[in-house]
């Protein structure tokens, strides 16, 4: 009974349907509380500081619990398959594009008003009664801070990957095998262990182990399906396996076969 309940919690398809969670609504009200507290504190209302502090604590509390669930979904539950990672990446790309167009609209409005001032603003730029900031003062300082933060982030990205490697699973070719960890999805575990009892084998390397699959050309369709299944779960390179050949020692025949390997995982040891 316990084993059945545990298996039912695992993902049996490449897409992730998020379970109901209380953290989004909690975080929303916490952010509202944080905003009200900040405005009250800045305007000198009584207890504004207490409301601001409680809103900050609740927001931090909700973020920690929400991130914890995401980490569990991506590791112990194995829900972050290749398709899910692609969806997350696409979401980030669309967010960046939306930010680009937001800044584009701001710059467009600025250049339109400055190069061709409308009659509604007096036909001059800047409009009468508005004193613009010195571009070599606060704006220059903000630009330096923005660029320097990007440089610092670039320099520390390897440290960030190293710190997260003990928590999140990685399944890309450029990640050190020591940082590829489990636990793994119940589908891939059942599949890999079952293949060891059949036609699969394993290879040991310095930093971990990997699975090797080898089939003759006549069984190529099966091996290509096998590779498609494993690569979609993020455990092998998506490139289609090549057809190899080798001469047989006792005859003049040439044997054709397909072969591919999974990524090397330290947890496969």
C-alpha atoms as a PDB file:
ATOM      1  CA  UNK A   1       0.000   0.000   0.000  1.00  0.00           C
ATOM      2  CA  UNK A   2       2.795   2.438   0.936  1.00  0.00           C
ATOM      3  CA  UNK A   3       4.716   1.611  -2.231  1.00  0.00           C
ATOM      4  CA  UNK A   4       1.634   2.224  -4.393  1.00  0.00           C
ATOM      5  CA  UNK A   5       0.981   5.609  -2.793  1.00  0.00           C
ATOM      6  CA  UNK A   6       4.640   6.581  -3.310  1.00  0.00           C
ATOM      7  CA  UNK A   7       4.704   5.602  -6.994  1.00  0.00           C
ATOM      8  CA  UNK A   8       1.491   7.507  -7.689  1.00  0.00           C
ATOM      9  CA  UNK A   9       3.261  10.692  -6.666  1.00  0.00           C
ATOM     10  CA  UNK A  10       5.797  10.404  -9.500  1.00  0.00           C
ATOM     11  CA  UNK A  11       5.439  11.964 -12.922  1.00  0.00           C
ATOM     12  CA  UNK A  12       4.549   9.452 -15.643  1.00  0.00           C
ATOM     13  CA  UNK A  13       4.664  11.881 -18.610  1.00  0.00           C
ATOM     14  CA  UNK A  14       7.156  14.568 -19.660  1.00  0.00           C
ATOM     15  CA  UNK A  15       4.952  17.568 -18.776  1.00  0.00           C
ATOM     16  CA  UNK A  16       4.419  18.845 -15.257  1.00  0.00           C
ATOM     17  CA  UNK A  17       0.962  19.673 -13.904  1.00  0.00           C
ATOM     18  CA  UNK A  18       1.470  21.811 -10.821  1.00  0.00           C
ATOM     19  CA  UNK A  19      -0.281  20.601  -7.680  1.00  0.00           C
ATOM     20  CA  UNK A  20      -2.482  23.086  -5.742  1.00  0.00           C
ATOM     21  CA  UNK A  21      -0.277  25.237  -3.530  1.00  0.00           C
ATOM     22  CA  UNK A  22      -1.103  27.874  -0.876  1.00  0.00           C
ATOM     23  CA  UNK A  23       2.152  29.785  -1.416  1.00  0.00           C
ATOM     24  CA  UNK A  24       1.112  32.013  -4.377  1.00  0.00           C
ATOM     25  CA  UNK A  25      -1.885  33.494  -2.530  1.00  0.00           C
ATOM     26  CA  UNK A  26       0.166  33.799   0.681  1.00  0.00           C
ATOM     27  CA  UNK A  27       2.953  35.603  -1.177  1.00  0.00           C
ATOM     28  CA  UNK A  28       0.423  37.926  -2.869  1.00  0.00           C
ATOM     29  CA  UNK A  29      -1.101  39.055   0.434  1.00  0.00           C
ATOM     30  CA  UNK A  30       2.372  39.316   1.958  1.00  0.00           C
ATOM     31  CA  UNK A  31       3.480  41.646  -0.852  1.00  0.00           C
ATOM     32  CA  UNK A  32       0.304  43.710  -0.364  1.00  0.00           C
ATOM     33  CA  UNK A  33       1.065  43.927   3.354  1.00  0.00           C
ATOM     34  CA  UNK A  34       4.662  44.897   2.528  1.00  0.00           C
ATOM     35  CA  UNK A  35       3.520  47.677   0.171  1.00  0.00           C
ATOM     36  CA  UNK A  36       0.977  49.095   2.635  1.00  0.00           C
ATOM     37  CA  UNK A  37       3.567  48.971   5.407  1.00  0.00           C
ATOM     38  CA  UNK A  38       6.187  50.744   3.289  1.00  0.00           C
ATOM     39  CA  UNK A  39       3.787  53.548   2.312  1.00  0.00           C
ATOM     40  CA  UNK A  40       2.558  53.923   5.903  1.00  0.00           C
ATOM     41  CA  UNK A  41       6.103  54.040   7.267  1.00  0.00           C
ATOM     42  CA  UNK A  42       7.264  56.614   4.690  1.00  0.00           C
ATOM     43  CA  UNK A  43       4.301  58.874   5.499  1.00  0.00           C
ATOM     44  CA  UNK A  44       4.805  58.580   9.244  1.00  0.00           C
ATOM     45  CA  UNK A  45       1.616  56.683  10.096  1.00  0.00           C
ATOM     46  CA  UNK A  46       1.508  54.930  13.494  1.00  0.00           C
ATOM     47  CA  UNK A  47       2.584  51.277  13.438  1.00  0.00           C
ATOM     48  CA  UNK A  48       3.786  51.664   9.846  1.00  0.00           C
ATOM     49  CA  UNK A  49       7.150  50.170  10.754  1.00  0.00           C
ATOM     50  CA  UNK A  50       5.531  47.107  12.363  1.00  0.00           C
ATOM     51  CA  UNK A  51       3.352  46.512   9.287  1.00  0.00           C
ATOM     52  CA  UNK A  52       6.403  46.873   7.038  1.00  0.00           C
ATOM     53  CA  UNK A  53       8.403  44.396   9.133  1.00  0.00           C
ATOM     54  CA  UNK A  54       5.593  41.830   9.244  1.00  0.00           C
ATOM     55  CA  UNK A  55       5.090  42.133   5.481  1.00  0.00           C
ATOM     56  CA  UNK A  56       8.796  41.572   4.846  1.00  0.00           C
ATOM     57  CA  UNK A  57       8.900  38.517   7.137  1.00  0.00           C
ATOM     58  CA  UNK A  58       5.774  36.995   5.577  1.00  0.00           C
ATOM     59  CA  UNK A  59       7.106  37.580   2.050  1.00  0.00           C
ATOM     60  CA  UNK A  60      10.425  35.961   2.921  1.00  0.00           C
ATOM     61  CA  UNK A  61       8.594  33.070   4.604  1.00  0.00           C
ATOM     62  CA  UNK A  62       6.398  32.478   1.536  1.00  0.00           C
ATOM     63  CA  UNK A  63       9.387  32.616  -0.844  1.00  0.00           C
ATOM     64  CA  UNK A  64      11.339  30.047   1.171  1.00  0.00           C
ATOM     65  CA  UNK A  65       8.421  27.601   1.294  1.00  0.00           C
ATOM     66  CA  UNK A  66       7.606  28.124  -2.394  1.00  0.00           C
ATOM     67  CA  UNK A  67      11.227  27.612  -3.495  1.00  0.00           C
ATOM     68  CA  UNK A  68      11.439  24.522  -1.278  1.00  0.00           C
ATOM     69  CA  UNK A  69       8.502  22.955  -3.103  1.00  0.00           C
ATOM     70  CA  UNK A  70      10.055  23.775  -6.484  1.00  0.00           C
ATOM     71  CA  UNK A  71      13.342  22.138  -5.463  1.00  0.00           C
ATOM     72  CA  UNK A  72      11.503  19.029  -4.250  1.00  0.00           C
ATOM     73  CA  UNK A  73       9.559  18.833  -7.528  1.00  0.00           C
ATOM     74  CA  UNK A  74      12.784  19.035  -9.521  1.00  0.00           C
ATOM     75  CA  UNK A  75      14.753  16.496  -7.445  1.00  0.00           C
ATOM     76  CA  UNK A  76      12.852  13.991  -5.330  1.00  0.00           C
ATOM     77  CA  UNK A  77       9.753  13.947  -7.540  1.00  0.00           C
ATOM     78  CA  UNK A  78      11.642  14.187 -10.839  1.00  0.00           C
ATOM     79  CA  UNK A  79       9.074  16.528 -12.419  1.00  0.00           C
ATOM     80  CA  UNK A  80      11.576  18.822 -14.150  1.00  0.00           C
ATOM     81  CA  UNK A  81      11.962  16.810 -17.354  1.00  0.00           C
ATOM     82  CA  UNK A  82      13.485  18.140 -20.569  1.00  0.00           C
ATOM     83  CA  UNK A  83      10.142  19.516 -21.748  1.00  0.00           C
ATOM     84  CA  UNK A  84       9.551  21.275 -18.413  1.00  0.00           C
ATOM     85  CA  UNK A  85      13.023  22.844 -18.520  1.00  0.00           C
ATOM     86  CA  UNK A  86      12.375  24.007 -22.082  1.00  0.00           C
ATOM     87  CA  UNK A  87       9.095  25.577 -20.953  1.00  0.00           C
ATOM     88  CA  UNK A  88      10.804  27.372 -18.080  1.00  0.00           C
ATOM     89  CA  UNK A  89      13.494  28.645 -20.434  1.00  0.00           C
ATOM     90  CA  UNK A  90      10.859  29.834 -22.913  1.00  0.00           C
ATOM     91  CA  UNK A  91       9.061  31.675 -20.115  1.00  0.00           C
ATOM     92  CA  UNK A  92      12.280  33.484 -19.153  1.00  0.00           C
ATOM     93  CA  UNK A  93      12.933  34.405 -22.807  1.00  0.00           C
ATOM     94  CA  UNK A  94       9.404  35.819 -23.206  1.00  0.00           C
ATOM     95  CA  UNK A  95       9.829  37.769 -19.957  1.00  0.00           C
ATOM     96  CA  UNK A  96      13.106  39.284 -21.221  1.00  0.00           C
ATOM     97  CA  UNK A  97      11.435  40.181 -24.534  1.00  0.00           C
ATOM     98  CA  UNK A  98       8.602  41.915 -22.671  1.00  0.00           C
ATOM     99  CA  UNK A  99      11.173  43.900 -20.667  1.00  0.00           C
ATOM    100  CA  UNK A 100      12.960  44.889 -23.877  1.00  0.00           C
ATOM    101  CA  UNK A 101       9.744  46.247 -25.367  1.00  0.00           C
ATOM    102  CA  UNK A 102       8.904  48.041 -22.112  1.00  0.00           C
ATOM    103  CA  UNK A 103      12.209  49.924 -22.213  1.00  0.00           C
ATOM    104  CA  UNK A 104      11.801  50.414 -25.971  1.00  0.00           C
ATOM    105  CA  UNK A 105       8.493  52.222 -25.385  1.00  0.00           C
ATOM    106  CA  UNK A 106      10.123  54.486 -22.792  1.00  0.00           C
ATOM    107  CA  UNK A 107      13.009  55.412 -25.094  1.00  0.00           C
ATOM    108  CA  UNK A 108      10.626  55.804 -28.030  1.00  0.00           C
ATOM    109  CA  UNK A 109       8.516  58.295 -26.046  1.00  0.00           C
ATOM    110  CA  UNK A 110      11.630  60.195 -24.952  1.00  0.00           C
ATOM    111  CA  UNK A 111      13.121  60.538 -28.439  1.00  0.00           C
ATOM    112  CA  UNK A 112       9.739  61.388 -29.972  1.00  0.00           C
ATOM    113  CA  UNK A 113       9.111  64.161 -27.446  1.00  0.00           C
ATOM    114  CA  UNK A 114      12.672  65.538 -27.553  1.00  0.00           C
ATOM    115  CA  UNK A 115      13.203  65.464 -31.328  1.00  0.00           C
ATOM    116  CA  UNK A 116       9.706  66.677 -32.211  1.00  0.00           C
ATOM    117  CA  UNK A 117       8.151  68.472 -29.204  1.00  0.00           C
ATOM    118  CA  UNK A 118       4.379  68.639 -29.378  1.00  0.00           C
ATOM    119  CA  UNK A 119       2.441  71.867 -29.023  1.00  0.00           C
ATOM    120  CA  UNK A 120       0.835  70.488 -25.847  1.00  0.00           C
ATOM    121  CA  UNK A 121       4.186  70.731 -24.028  1.00  0.00           C
ATOM    122  CA  UNK A 122       5.017  74.184 -25.373  1.00  0.00           C
ATOM    123  CA  UNK A 123       7.014  73.071 -28.418  1.00  0.00           C
ATOM    124  CA  UNK A 124      10.233  72.866 -26.392  1.00  0.00           C
ATOM    125  CA  UNK A 125      12.201  70.106 -24.694  1.00  0.00           C
ATOM    126  CA  UNK A 126      12.418  69.835 -21.783  1.00  0.00           C
ATOM    127  CA  UNK A 127       9.010  71.389 -21.117  1.00  0.00           C
ATOM    128  CA  UNK A 128       8.885  74.709 -19.290  1.00  0.00           C
ATOM    129  CA  UNK A 129       8.978  74.364 -15.524  1.00  0.00           C
ATOM    130  CA  UNK A 130      10.836  71.021 -15.536  1.00  0.00           C
ATOM    131  CA  UNK A 131      14.532  70.927 -14.595  1.00  0.00           C
ATOM    132  CA  UNK A 132      16.144  67.683 -15.851  1.00  0.00           C
ATOM    133  CA  UNK A 133      18.758  65.830 -13.860  1.00  0.00           C
ATOM    134  CA  UNK A 134      22.419  66.191 -14.701  1.00  0.00           C
ATOM    135  CA  UNK A 135      23.238  63.077 -16.811  1.00  0.00           C
ATOM    136  CA  UNK A 136      26.711  62.889 -15.267  1.00  0.00           C
ATOM    137  CA  UNK A 137      25.385  62.766 -11.681  1.00  0.00           C
ATOM    138  CA  UNK A 138      22.718  60.331 -10.431  1.00  0.00           C
ATOM    139  CA  UNK A 139      21.974  58.789 -13.886  1.00  0.00           C
ATOM    140  CA  UNK A 140      25.669  58.020 -14.439  1.00  0.00           C
ATOM    141  CA  UNK A 141      25.940  56.466 -10.961  1.00  0.00           C
ATOM    142  CA  UNK A 142      22.897  54.272 -11.606  1.00  0.00           C
ATOM    143  CA  UNK A 143      24.378  53.140 -14.928  1.00  0.00           C
ATOM    144  CA  UNK A 144      27.675  52.212 -13.266  1.00  0.00           C
ATOM    145  CA  UNK A 145      25.864  50.238 -10.557  1.00  0.00           C
ATOM    146  CA  UNK A 146      23.774  48.403 -13.155  1.00  0.00           C
ATOM    147  CA  UNK A 147      26.750  47.436 -15.329  1.00  0.00           C
ATOM    148  CA  UNK A 148      28.940  46.477 -12.365  1.00  0.00           C
ATOM    149  CA  UNK A 149      26.190  44.227 -10.952  1.00  0.00           C
ATOM    150  CA  UNK A 150      26.028  42.414 -14.297  1.00  0.00           C
ATOM    151  CA  UNK A 151      29.812  41.946 -14.318  1.00  0.00           C
ATOM    152  CA  UNK A 152      29.786  40.624 -10.737  1.00  0.00           C
ATOM    153  CA  UNK A 153      26.988  38.223 -11.615  1.00  0.00           C
ATOM    154  CA  UNK A 154      28.977  36.970 -14.622  1.00  0.00           C
ATOM    155  CA  UNK A 155      32.052  36.401 -12.497  1.00  0.00           C
ATOM    156  CA  UNK A 156      30.106  34.456  -9.854  1.00  0.00           C
ATOM    157  CA  UNK A 157      27.956  32.300 -12.097  1.00  0.00           C
ATOM    158  CA  UNK A 158      30.280  29.301 -11.707  1.00  0.00           C
ATOM    159  CA  UNK A 159      30.123  29.635  -7.917  1.00  0.00           C
ATOM    160  CA  UNK A 160      26.330  29.761  -8.137  1.00  0.00           C
ATOM    161  CA  UNK A 161      26.261  26.544 -10.174  1.00  0.00           C
ATOM    162  CA  UNK A 162      28.583  24.882  -7.668  1.00  0.00           C
ATOM    163  CA  UNK A 163      26.376  25.880  -4.718  1.00  0.00           C
ATOM    164  CA  UNK A 164      23.173  24.724  -6.427  1.00  0.00           C
ATOM    165  CA  UNK A 165      24.681  21.465  -7.661  1.00  0.00           C
ATOM    166  CA  UNK A 166      24.014  19.724  -4.352  1.00  0.00           C
ATOM    167  CA  UNK A 167      20.305  20.576  -4.593  1.00  0.00           C
ATOM    168  CA  UNK A 168      19.180  20.616  -8.228  1.00  0.00           C
ATOM    169  CA  UNK A 169      19.598  17.898 -10.902  1.00  0.00           C
ATOM    170  CA  UNK A 170      21.589  18.744 -14.008  1.00  0.00           C
ATOM    171  CA  UNK A 171      21.376  16.856 -17.289  1.00  0.00           C
ATOM    172  CA  UNK A 172      23.356  18.842 -19.824  1.00  0.00           C
ATOM    173  CA  UNK A 173      26.626  17.761 -21.458  1.00  0.00           C
ATOM    174  CA  UNK A 174      28.660  20.687 -20.114  1.00  0.00           C
ATOM    175  CA  UNK A 175      27.944  20.020 -16.451  1.00  0.00           C
ATOM    176  CA  UNK A 176      30.631  18.185 -14.495  1.00  0.00           C
ATOM    177  CA  UNK A 177      29.411  14.635 -13.695  1.00  0.00           C
ATOM    178  CA  UNK A 178      30.124  15.263 -10.017  1.00  0.00           C
ATOM    179  CA  UNK A 179      27.312  17.814 -10.045  1.00  0.00           C
ATOM    180  CA  UNK A 180      24.825  15.482 -11.749  1.00  0.00           C
ATOM    181  CA  UNK A 181      22.985  13.925  -8.847  1.00  0.00           C
ATOM    182  CA  UNK A 182      19.801  12.084  -7.986  1.00  0.00           C
ATOM    183  CA  UNK A 183      17.367  11.008  -6.812  1.00  0.00           C
ATOM    184  CA  UNK A 184      15.869  10.149 -10.168  1.00  0.00           C
ATOM    185  CA  UNK A 185      12.404   9.790 -11.636  1.00  0.00           C
ATOM    186  CA  UNK A 186      10.733   6.400 -11.033  1.00  0.00           C
ATOM    187  CA  UNK A 187      10.342   5.983 -14.816  1.00  0.00           C
ATOM    188  CA  UNK A 188      14.043   6.311 -15.586  1.00  0.00           C
ATOM    189  CA  UNK A 189      15.014   4.173 -12.593  1.00  0.00           C
ATOM    190  CA  UNK A 190      12.715   1.345 -13.663  1.00  0.00           C
ATOM    191  CA  UNK A 191      13.892   1.653 -17.246  1.00  0.00           C
ATOM    192  CA  UNK A 192      17.626   1.685 -16.481  1.00  0.00           C
ATOM    193  CA  UNK A 193      17.530  -1.114 -13.920  1.00  0.00           C
ATOM    194  CA  UNK A 194      15.413  -3.207 -16.269  1.00  0.00           C
ATOM    195  CA  UNK A 195      17.852  -2.651 -19.126  1.00  0.00           C
ATOM    196  CA  UNK A 196      20.720  -3.966 -17.004  1.00  0.00           C
ATOM    197  CA  UNK A 197      18.834  -7.247 -16.778  1.00  0.00           C
ATOM    198  CA  UNK A 198      18.547  -7.269 -20.588  1.00  0.00           C
ATOM    199  CA  UNK A 199      20.810  -5.765 -23.234  1.00  0.00           C
ATOM    200  CA  UNK A 200      22.115  -2.726 -21.317  1.00  0.00           C
ATOM    201  CA  UNK A 201      25.500  -2.267 -19.646  1.00  0.00           C
ATOM    202  CA  UNK A 202      27.340   0.347 -17.606  1.00  0.00           C
ATOM    203  CA  UNK A 203      30.705   2.057 -17.853  1.00  0.00           C
ATOM    204  CA  UNK A 204      32.644   3.502 -14.934  1.00  0.00           C
ATOM    205  CA  UNK A 205      34.547   6.749 -15.310  1.00  0.00           C
ATOM    206  CA  UNK A 206      36.540   8.886 -12.919  1.00  0.00           C
ATOM    207  CA  UNK A 207      33.628  11.063 -11.806  1.00  0.00           C
ATOM    208  CA  UNK A 208      30.684   8.694 -12.168  1.00  0.00           C
ATOM    209  CA  UNK A 209      29.015   6.036 -14.305  1.00  0.00           C
ATOM    210  CA  UNK A 210      26.918   5.915 -17.452  1.00  0.00           C
ATOM    211  CA  UNK A 211      24.688   3.462 -19.283  1.00  0.00           C
ATOM    212  CA  UNK A 212      25.660   2.091 -22.704  1.00  0.00           C
ATOM    213  CA  UNK A 213      23.225   0.711 -25.277  1.00  0.00           C
ATOM    214  CA  UNK A 214      24.313  -1.326 -28.283  1.00  0.00           C
ATOM    215  CA  UNK A 215      22.168  -2.946 -30.962  1.00  0.00           C
ATOM    216  CA  UNK A 216      22.718  -4.410 -34.420  1.00  0.00           C
ATOM    217  CA  UNK A 217      21.357  -2.582 -37.452  1.00  0.00           C
ATOM    218  CA  UNK A 218      18.390  -4.948 -37.725  1.00  0.00           C
ATOM    219  CA  UNK A 219      17.265  -3.773 -34.269  1.00  0.00           C
ATOM    220  CA  UNK A 220      17.961  -0.125 -35.058  1.00  0.00           C
ATOM    221  CA  UNK A 221      14.354   0.940 -34.774  1.00  0.00           C
ATOM    222  CA  UNK A 222      14.212  -0.314 -31.194  1.00  0.00           C
ATOM    223  CA  UNK A 223      17.454   1.442 -30.239  1.00  0.00           C
ATOM    224  CA  UNK A 224      16.328   4.734 -31.791  1.00  0.00           C
ATOM    225  CA  UNK A 225      13.095   4.558 -29.801  1.00  0.00           C
ATOM    226  CA  UNK A 226      15.158   3.773 -26.691  1.00  0.00           C
ATOM    227  CA  UNK A 227      17.364   6.800 -27.299  1.00  0.00           C
ATOM    228  CA  UNK A 228      14.324   9.045 -27.889  1.00  0.00           C
ATOM    229  CA  UNK A 229      12.770   7.969 -24.581  1.00  0.00           C
ATOM    230  CA  UNK A 230      15.954   8.525 -22.555  1.00  0.00           C
ATOM    231  CA  UNK A 231      16.932  11.798 -24.227  1.00  0.00           C
ATOM    232  CA  UNK A 232      13.462  13.318 -23.659  1.00  0.00           C
ATOM    233  CA  UNK A 233      13.930  12.736 -19.944  1.00  0.00           C
ATOM    234  CA  UNK A 234      17.241  14.633 -20.147  1.00  0.00           C
ATOM    235  CA  UNK A 235      19.593  11.690 -19.628  1.00  0.00           C
ATOM    236  CA  UNK A 236      21.262  11.583 -23.069  1.00  0.00           C
ATOM    237  CA  UNK A 237      22.263  13.930 -25.854  1.00  0.00           C
ATOM    238  CA  UNK A 238      19.344  14.550 -28.252  1.00  0.00           C
ATOM    239  CA  UNK A 239      21.510  13.890 -31.327  1.00  0.00           C
ATOM    240  CA  UNK A 240      20.358  10.734 -33.157  1.00  0.00           C
ATOM    241  CA  UNK A 241      22.790   7.792 -32.670  1.00  0.00           C
ATOM    242  CA  UNK A 242      25.129   7.145 -35.591  1.00  0.00           C
ATOM    243  CA  UNK A 243      25.509   3.899 -37.494  1.00  0.00           C
ATOM    244  CA  UNK A 244      28.891   2.259 -36.864  1.00  0.00           C
ATOM    245  CA  UNK A 245      30.618  -0.621 -38.617  1.00  0.00           C
ATOM    246  CA  UNK A 246      33.337  -3.124 -37.809  1.00  0.00           C
ATOM    247  CA  UNK A 247      34.752  -6.176 -39.629  1.00  0.00           C
ATOM    248  CA  UNK A 248      34.267  -9.578 -38.051  1.00  0.00           C
ATOM    249  CA  UNK A 249      37.502 -11.389 -37.155  1.00  0.00           C
ATOM    250  CA  UNK A 250      36.550 -14.868 -38.385  1.00  0.00           C
ATOM    251  CA  UNK A 251      34.948 -13.760 -41.647  1.00  0.00           C
ATOM    252  CA  UNK A 252      35.020 -11.018 -44.230  1.00  0.00           C
ATOM    253  CA  UNK A 253      31.643  -9.692 -43.180  1.00  0.00           C
ATOM    254  CA  UNK A 254      31.107  -6.171 -41.885  1.00  0.00           C
ATOM    255  CA  UNK A 255      28.756  -5.750 -38.978  1.00  0.00           C
ATOM    256  CA  UNK A 256      26.687  -2.572 -38.666  1.00  0.00           C
ATOM    257  CA  UNK A 257      25.375  -1.434 -35.331  1.00  0.00           C
ATOM    258  CA  UNK A 258      23.978   1.522 -33.392  1.00  0.00           C
ATOM    259  CA  UNK A 259      25.356   2.672 -30.055  1.00  0.00           C
ATOM    260  CA  UNK A 260      24.811   5.548 -27.656  1.00  0.00           C
ATOM    261  CA  UNK A 261      25.660   6.435 -24.078  1.00  0.00           C
ATOM    262  CA  UNK A 262      23.826   8.359 -21.415  1.00  0.00           C
ATOM    263  CA  UNK A 263      25.341  11.283 -19.616  1.00  0.00           C
ATOM    264  CA  UNK A 264      27.702  10.434 -16.771  1.00  0.00           C
ATOM    265  CA  UNK A 265      26.098  10.789 -13.341  1.00  0.00           C
ATOM    266  CA  UNK A 266      27.935  10.507 -10.039  1.00  0.00           C
ATOM    267  CA  UNK A 267      24.700   9.191  -8.525  1.00  0.00           C
ATOM    268  CA  UNK A 268      24.788   6.198 -10.912  1.00  0.00           C
ATOM    269  CA  UNK A 269      27.687   4.833  -8.892  1.00  0.00           C
END
